[in-house]
PDB file of all heavy atoms in Angstrom:
ATOM      1  N   ARG A   1      -3.775   8.452  59.984  1.00  0.00           N
ATOM      2  CA  ARG A   1      -3.019   9.727  60.034  1.00  0.00           C
ATOM      3  C   ARG A   1      -1.941   9.592  61.122  1.00  0.00           C
ATOM      4  O   ARG A   1      -1.088  10.579  61.197  1.00  0.00           O
ATOM      5  CB  ARG A   1      -3.918  10.851  60.331  1.00  0.00           C
ATOM      6  CG  ARG A   1      -4.706  11.273  59.183  1.00  0.00           C
ATOM      7  CD  ARG A   1      -3.982  12.322  58.212  1.00  0.00           C
ATOM      8  NE  ARG A   1      -4.708  12.634  57.027  1.00  0.00           N
ATOM      9  CZ  ARG A   1      -5.583  13.578  56.935  1.00  0.00           C
ATOM     10  NH1 ARG A   1      -5.969  14.260  58.020  1.00  0.00           N
ATOM     11  NH2 ARG A   1      -6.130  13.809  55.767  1.00  0.00           N
ATOM     12  N   SER A   2      -1.928   8.659  61.887  1.00  0.00           N
ATOM     13  CA  SER A   2      -0.850   8.558  62.981  1.00  0.00           C
ATOM     14  C   SER A   2       0.393   7.842  62.398  1.00  0.00           C
ATOM     15  O   SER A   2       0.297   6.943  61.666  1.00  0.00           O
ATOM     16  CB  SER A   2      -1.467   7.756  64.234  1.00  0.00           C
ATOM     17  OG  SER A   2      -1.698   6.477  63.834  1.00  0.00           O
ATOM     18  N   SER A   3       1.635   8.377  62.895  1.00  0.00           N
ATOM     19  CA  SER A   3       2.885   7.835  62.507  1.00  0.00           C
ATOM     20  C   SER A   3       2.940   7.613  60.878  1.00  0.00           C
ATOM     21  O   SER A   3       3.409   6.507  60.434  1.00  0.00           O
ATOM     22  CB  SER A   3       3.135   6.466  63.138  1.00  0.00           C
ATOM     23  OG  SER A   3       3.159   6.642  64.561  1.00  0.00           O
ATOM     24  N   GLY A   4       2.501   8.629  60.211  1.00  0.00           N
ATOM     25  CA  GLY A   4       2.599   8.551  58.701  1.00  0.00           C
ATOM     26  C   GLY A   4       1.148   8.232  58.195  1.00  0.00           C
ATOM     27  O   GLY A   4       0.534   7.446  58.606  1.00  0.00           O
ATOM     28  N   THR A   5       0.872   8.841  57.069  1.00  0.00           N
ATOM     29  CA  THR A   5      -0.383   8.675  56.472  1.00  0.00           C
ATOM     30  C   THR A   5      -0.497   7.378  55.603  1.00  0.00           C
ATOM     31  O   THR A   5       0.597   7.062  55.023  1.00  0.00           O
ATOM     32  CB  THR A   5      -0.753   9.830  55.521  1.00  0.00           C
ATOM     33  OG1 THR A   5      -0.752  11.124  56.294  1.00  0.00           O
ATOM     34  CG2 THR A   5      -2.054   9.603  54.799  1.00  0.00           C
ATOM     35  N   ALA A   6      -1.468   6.638  55.724  1.00  0.00           N
ATOM     36  CA  ALA A   6      -1.726   5.450  55.060  1.00  0.00           C
ATOM     37  C   ALA A   6      -3.164   5.176  54.480  1.00  0.00           C
ATOM     38  O   ALA A   6      -3.939   5.491  55.247  1.00  0.00           O
ATOM     39  CB  ALA A   6      -1.278   4.216  55.909  1.00  0.00           C
ATOM     40  N   TYR A   7      -3.241   4.903  53.246  1.00  0.00           N
ATOM     41  CA  TYR A   7      -4.526   4.701  52.679  1.00  0.00           C
ATOM     42  C   TYR A   7      -4.438   3.148  52.280  1.00  0.00           C
ATOM     43  O   TYR A   7      -3.526   2.695  51.726  1.00  0.00           O
ATOM     44  CB  TYR A   7      -4.639   5.450  51.304  1.00  0.00           C
ATOM     45  CG  TYR A   7      -4.756   6.949  51.430  1.00  0.00           C
ATOM     46  CD1 TYR A   7      -3.603   7.725  51.696  1.00  0.00           C
ATOM     47  CD2 TYR A   7      -6.056   7.635  51.464  1.00  0.00           C
ATOM     48  CE1 TYR A   7      -3.671   9.109  51.847  1.00  0.00           C
ATOM     49  CE2 TYR A   7      -6.089   8.997  51.657  1.00  0.00           C
ATOM     50  CZ  TYR A   7      -4.830   9.724  51.760  1.00  0.00           C
ATOM     51  OH  TYR A   7      -4.999  11.037  51.998  1.00  0.00           O
ATOM     52  N   VAL A   8      -5.573   2.434  52.681  1.00  0.00           N
ATOM     53  CA  VAL A   8      -5.662   1.152  52.447  1.00  0.00           C
ATOM     54  C   VAL A   8      -7.169   0.792  51.917  1.00  0.00           C
ATOM     55  O   VAL A   8      -8.098   1.271  52.486  1.00  0.00           O
ATOM     56  CB  VAL A   8      -5.300   0.195  53.634  1.00  0.00           C
ATOM     57  CG1 VAL A   8      -5.458  -1.355  53.364  1.00  0.00           C
ATOM     58  CG2 VAL A   8      -4.033   0.513  54.301  1.00  0.00           C
ATOM     59  N   TYR A   9      -7.082  -0.023  50.848  1.00  0.00           N
ATOM     60  CA  TYR A   9      -8.393  -0.327  50.240  1.00  0.00           C
ATOM     61  C   TYR A   9      -8.605  -1.954  50.105  1.00  0.00           C
ATOM     62  O   TYR A   9      -7.651  -2.641  49.953  1.00  0.00           O
ATOM     63  CB  TYR A   9      -8.534   0.133  48.767  1.00  0.00           C
ATOM     64  CG  TYR A   9      -8.608   1.764  48.808  1.00  0.00           C
ATOM     65  CD1 TYR A   9      -7.395   2.545  48.677  1.00  0.00           C
ATOM     66  CD2 TYR A   9      -9.773   2.420  48.965  1.00  0.00           C
ATOM     67  CE1 TYR A   9      -7.455   3.921  48.693  1.00  0.00           C
ATOM     68  CE2 TYR A   9      -9.853   3.823  48.842  1.00  0.00           C
ATOM     69  CZ  TYR A   9      -8.637   4.521  48.750  1.00  0.00           C
ATOM     70  OH  TYR A   9      -8.746   5.873  48.716  1.00  0.00           O
ATOM     71  N   ALA A  10      -9.760  -2.406  50.219  1.00  0.00           N
ATOM     72  CA  ALA A  10     -10.031  -3.749  49.794  1.00  0.00           C
ATOM     73  C   ALA A  10      -9.821  -3.874  48.391  1.00  0.00           C
ATOM     74  O   ALA A  10     -10.142  -3.027  47.539  1.00  0.00           O
ATOM     75  CB  ALA A  10     -11.496  -3.963  50.262  1.00  0.00           C
ATOM     76  N   ASP A  11      -9.458  -5.056  47.951  1.00  0.00           N
ATOM     77  CA  ASP A  11      -9.193  -5.346  46.488  1.00  0.00           C
ATOM     78  C   ASP A  11     -10.451  -5.212  45.789  1.00  0.00           C
ATOM     79  O   ASP A  11     -10.394  -4.730  44.593  1.00  0.00           O
ATOM     80  CB  ASP A  11      -8.651  -6.693  46.320  1.00  0.00           C
ATOM     81  CG  ASP A  11      -7.190  -6.964  46.914  1.00  0.00           C
ATOM     82  OD1 ASP A  11      -6.579  -5.951  47.087  1.00  0.00           O
ATOM     83  OD2 ASP A  11      -6.863  -8.140  47.156  1.00  0.00           O
ATOM     84  N   SER A  12     -11.588  -5.383  46.317  1.00  0.00           N
ATOM     85  CA  SER A  12     -12.866  -5.401  45.583  1.00  0.00           C
ATOM     86  C   SER A  12     -13.272  -3.959  45.277  1.00  0.00           C
ATOM     87  O   SER A  12     -14.035  -3.750  44.462  1.00  0.00           O
ATOM     88  CB  SER A  12     -13.949  -6.002  46.451  1.00  0.00           C
ATOM     89  OG  SER A  12     -14.127  -5.447  47.622  1.00  0.00           O
ATOM     90  N   VAL A  13     -12.696  -2.896  45.878  1.00  0.00           N
ATOM     91  CA  VAL A  13     -13.134  -1.624  45.626  1.00  0.00           C
ATOM     92  C   VAL A  13     -11.876  -0.769  45.205  1.00  0.00           C
ATOM     93  O   VAL A  13     -12.202   0.369  44.829  1.00  0.00           O
ATOM     94  CB  VAL A  13     -13.797  -0.943  46.938  1.00  0.00           C
ATOM     95  CG1 VAL A  13     -14.784  -1.784  47.441  1.00  0.00           C
ATOM     96  CG2 VAL A  13     -12.619  -0.708  47.937  1.00  0.00           C
ATOM     97  N   LYS A  14     -10.818  -1.295  45.073  1.00  0.00           N
ATOM     98  CA  LYS A  14      -9.679  -0.549  44.642  1.00  0.00           C
ATOM     99  C   LYS A  14      -9.784   0.021  43.277  1.00  0.00           C
ATOM    100  O   LYS A  14     -10.323  -0.754  42.305  1.00  0.00           O
ATOM    101  CB  LYS A  14      -8.404  -1.446  44.643  1.00  0.00           C
ATOM    102  CG  LYS A  14      -7.058  -0.613  44.783  1.00  0.00           C
ATOM    103  CD  LYS A  14      -5.929  -1.649  45.044  1.00  0.00           C
ATOM    104  CE  LYS A  14      -5.914  -2.260  46.393  1.00  0.00           C
ATOM    105  NZ  LYS A  14      -4.774  -3.125  46.700  1.00  0.00           N
ATOM    106  N   GLY A  15      -9.418   1.249  43.103  1.00  0.00           N
ATOM    107  CA  GLY A  15      -9.712   1.871  41.686  1.00  0.00           C
ATOM    108  C   GLY A  15     -11.178   2.468  41.509  1.00  0.00           C
ATOM    109  O   GLY A  15     -11.308   3.124  40.576  1.00  0.00           O
ATOM    110  N   ARG A  16     -11.973   2.031  42.410  1.00  0.00           N
ATOM    111  CA  ARG A  16     -13.444   2.563  42.278  1.00  0.00           C
ATOM    112  C   ARG A  16     -13.888   3.433  43.427  1.00  0.00           C
ATOM    113  O   ARG A  16     -14.591   4.432  43.276  1.00  0.00           O
ATOM    114  CB  ARG A  16     -14.477   1.398  42.161  1.00  0.00           C
ATOM    115  CG  ARG A  16     -14.193   0.418  41.031  1.00  0.00           C
ATOM    116  CD  ARG A  16     -15.290  -0.596  40.955  1.00  0.00           C
ATOM    117  NE  ARG A  16     -15.487  -1.432  42.060  1.00  0.00           N
ATOM    118  CZ  ARG A  16     -16.513  -1.462  42.820  1.00  0.00           C
ATOM    119  NH1 ARG A  16     -17.503  -0.759  42.525  1.00  0.00           N
ATOM    120  NH2 ARG A  16     -16.546  -2.283  43.802  1.00  0.00           N
ATOM    121  N   PHE A  17     -13.396   3.171  44.572  1.00  0.00           N
ATOM    122  CA  PHE A  17     -13.609   3.945  45.769  1.00  0.00           C
ATOM    123  C   PHE A  17     -12.423   4.829  46.154  1.00  0.00           C
ATOM    124  O   PHE A  17     -11.305   4.356  46.209  1.00  0.00           O
ATOM    125  CB  PHE A  17     -14.106   2.994  47.063  1.00  0.00           C
ATOM    126  CG  PHE A  17     -15.359   2.252  46.791  1.00  0.00           C
ATOM    127  CD1 PHE A  17     -16.047   2.174  45.567  1.00  0.00           C
ATOM    128  CD2 PHE A  17     -15.912   1.587  47.784  1.00  0.00           C
ATOM    129  CE1 PHE A  17     -17.182   1.614  45.528  1.00  0.00           C
ATOM    130  CE2 PHE A  17     -17.129   0.909  47.782  1.00  0.00           C
ATOM    131  CZ  PHE A  17     -17.824   0.928  46.506  1.00  0.00           C
ATOM    132  N   THR A  18     -12.769   5.901  46.907  1.00  0.00           N
ATOM    133  CA  THR A  18     -11.637   6.802  47.330  1.00  0.00           C
ATOM    134  C   THR A  18     -12.056   7.331  48.739  1.00  0.00           C
ATOM    135  O   THR A  18     -13.203   7.839  48.841  1.00  0.00           O
ATOM    136  CB  THR A  18     -11.372   8.027  46.444  1.00  0.00           C
ATOM    137  OG1 THR A  18     -11.180   7.578  45.050  1.00  0.00           O
ATOM    138  CG2 THR A  18     -10.293   8.917  46.934  1.00  0.00           C
ATOM    139  N   ILE A  19     -11.166   7.129  49.621  1.00  0.00           N
ATOM    140  CA  ILE A  19     -11.365   7.693  51.012  1.00  0.00           C
ATOM    141  C   ILE A  19     -10.663   8.940  51.236  1.00  0.00           C
ATOM    142  O   ILE A  19      -9.515   9.047  50.675  1.00  0.00           O
ATOM    143  CB  ILE A  19     -10.963   6.584  52.131  1.00  0.00           C
ATOM    144  CG1 ILE A  19     -11.388   6.979  53.552  1.00  0.00           C
ATOM    145  CG2 ILE A  19      -9.472   6.242  51.903  1.00  0.00           C
ATOM    146  CD1 ILE A  19     -11.133   5.932  54.495  1.00  0.00           C
ATOM    147  N   SER A  20     -11.220   9.821  51.939  1.00  0.00           N
ATOM    148  CA  SER A  20     -10.630  11.108  52.233  1.00  0.00           C
ATOM    149  C   SER A  20     -11.214  11.714  53.433  1.00  0.00           C
ATOM    150  O   SER A  20     -12.263  11.321  54.008  1.00  0.00           O
ATOM    151  CB  SER A  20     -10.741  12.031  50.927  1.00  0.00           C
ATOM    152  OG  SER A  20     -12.308  12.350  50.831  1.00  0.00           O
ATOM    153  N   ARG A  21     -10.557  12.769  53.914  1.00  0.00           N
ATOM    154  CA  ARG A  21     -10.951  13.481  55.016  1.00  0.00           C
ATOM    155  C   ARG A  21     -10.925  15.060  54.809  1.00  0.00           C
ATOM    156  O   ARG A  21     -10.058  15.512  54.085  1.00  0.00           O
ATOM    157  CB  ARG A  21     -10.056  13.211  56.161  1.00  0.00           C
ATOM    158  CG  ARG A  21     -10.219  11.959  57.084  1.00  0.00           C
ATOM    159  CD  ARG A  21      -9.344  11.889  58.174  1.00  0.00           C
ATOM    160  NE  ARG A  21      -9.445  10.625  58.889  1.00  0.00           N
ATOM    161  CZ  ARG A  21      -8.595  10.357  59.894  1.00  0.00           C
ATOM    162  NH1 ARG A  21      -7.691  11.125  60.284  1.00  0.00           N
ATOM    163  NH2 ARG A  21      -8.747   9.224  60.591  1.00  0.00           N
ATOM    164  N   ASP A  22     -11.855  15.679  55.503  1.00  0.00           N
ATOM    165  CA  ASP A  22     -11.810  17.129  55.522  1.00  0.00           C
ATOM    166  C   ASP A  22     -11.540  17.446  57.072  1.00  0.00           C
ATOM    167  O   ASP A  22     -12.577  17.439  57.839  1.00  0.00           O
ATOM    168  CB  ASP A  22     -13.070  17.731  55.057  1.00  0.00           C
ATOM    169  CG  ASP A  22     -13.098  19.297  55.028  1.00  0.00           C
ATOM    170  OD1 ASP A  22     -12.330  19.853  55.866  1.00  0.00           O
ATOM    171  OD2 ASP A  22     -13.839  19.791  54.187  1.00  0.00           O
ATOM    172  N   SER A  23     -10.374  17.800  57.374  1.00  0.00           N
ATOM    173  CA  SER A  23     -10.025  17.954  58.772  1.00  0.00           C
ATOM    174  C   SER A  23     -10.745  19.130  59.426  1.00  0.00           C
ATOM    175  O   SER A  23     -11.113  19.146  60.562  1.00  0.00           O
ATOM    176  CB  SER A  23      -8.498  17.984  59.031  1.00  0.00           C
ATOM    177  OG  SER A  23      -7.832  16.905  58.611  1.00  0.00           O
ATOM    178  N   ALA A  24     -10.883  20.066  58.623  1.00  0.00           N
ATOM    179  CA  ALA A  24     -11.530  21.457  59.141  1.00  0.00           C
ATOM    180  C   ALA A  24     -13.029  21.096  59.509  1.00  0.00           C
ATOM    181  O   ALA A  24     -13.479  21.782  60.361  1.00  0.00           O
ATOM    182  CB  ALA A  24     -11.452  22.416  57.971  1.00  0.00           C
ATOM    183  N   LYS A  25     -13.660  20.145  58.755  1.00  0.00           N
ATOM    184  CA  LYS A  25     -15.062  19.805  59.074  1.00  0.00           C
ATOM    185  C   LYS A  25     -15.225  18.705  60.004  1.00  0.00           C
ATOM    186  O   LYS A  25     -16.365  18.305  60.313  1.00  0.00           O
ATOM    187  CB  LYS A  25     -15.875  19.728  57.766  1.00  0.00           C
ATOM    188  CG  LYS A  25     -15.862  20.963  56.918  1.00  0.00           C
ATOM    189  CD  LYS A  25     -16.556  20.657  55.618  1.00  0.00           C
ATOM    190  CE  LYS A  25     -16.713  21.926  54.744  1.00  0.00           C
ATOM    191  NZ  LYS A  25     -17.411  21.689  53.514  1.00  0.00           N
ATOM    192  N   ASN A  26     -14.016  18.010  60.303  1.00  0.00           N
ATOM    193  CA  ASN A  26     -14.123  16.662  61.061  1.00  0.00           C
ATOM    194  C   ASN A  26     -15.051  15.737  60.256  1.00  0.00           C
ATOM    195  O   ASN A  26     -15.859  14.923  60.901  1.00  0.00           O
ATOM    196  CB  ASN A  26     -14.734  16.912  62.463  1.00  0.00           C
ATOM    197  CG  ASN A  26     -13.845  17.908  63.356  1.00  0.00           C
ATOM    198  OD1 ASN A  26     -12.744  18.042  63.058  1.00  0.00           O
ATOM    199  ND2 ASN A  26     -14.572  18.347  64.243  1.00  0.00           N
ATOM    200  N   VAL A  27     -14.914  15.630  59.071  1.00  0.00           N
ATOM    201  CA  VAL A  27     -15.722  14.669  58.160  1.00  0.00           C
ATOM    202  C   VAL A  27     -14.817  13.782  57.314  1.00  0.00           C
ATOM    203  O   VAL A  27     -13.820  14.225  56.854  1.00  0.00           O
ATOM    204  CB  VAL A  27     -16.681  15.503  57.272  1.00  0.00           C
ATOM    205  CG1 VAL A  27     -17.434  14.497  56.395  1.00  0.00           C
ATOM    206  CG2 VAL A  27     -17.631  16.289  58.205  1.00  0.00           C
ATOM    207  N   MET A  28     -15.175  12.572  57.219  1.00  0.00           N
ATOM    208  CA  MET A  28     -14.489  11.476  56.526  1.00  0.00           C
ATOM    209  C   MET A  28     -15.450  11.188  55.273  1.00  0.00           C
ATOM    210  O   MET A  28     -16.748  11.094  55.520  1.00  0.00           O
ATOM    211  CB  MET A  28     -14.152  10.326  57.224  1.00  0.00           C
ATOM    212  CG  MET A  28     -13.550   9.220  56.313  1.00  0.00           C
ATOM    213  SD  MET A  28     -13.108   7.685  57.338  1.00  0.00           S
ATOM    214  CE  MET A  28     -14.690   7.082  57.777  1.00  0.00           C
TER     215      MET A  28
END
């Protein structure tokens, strides 16, 4: 989240896994 948002995935999980955050709850 610093200096622009970036999402990066390993090739082995790309398309199957999704990372996200709930800032209000401090949870990833």
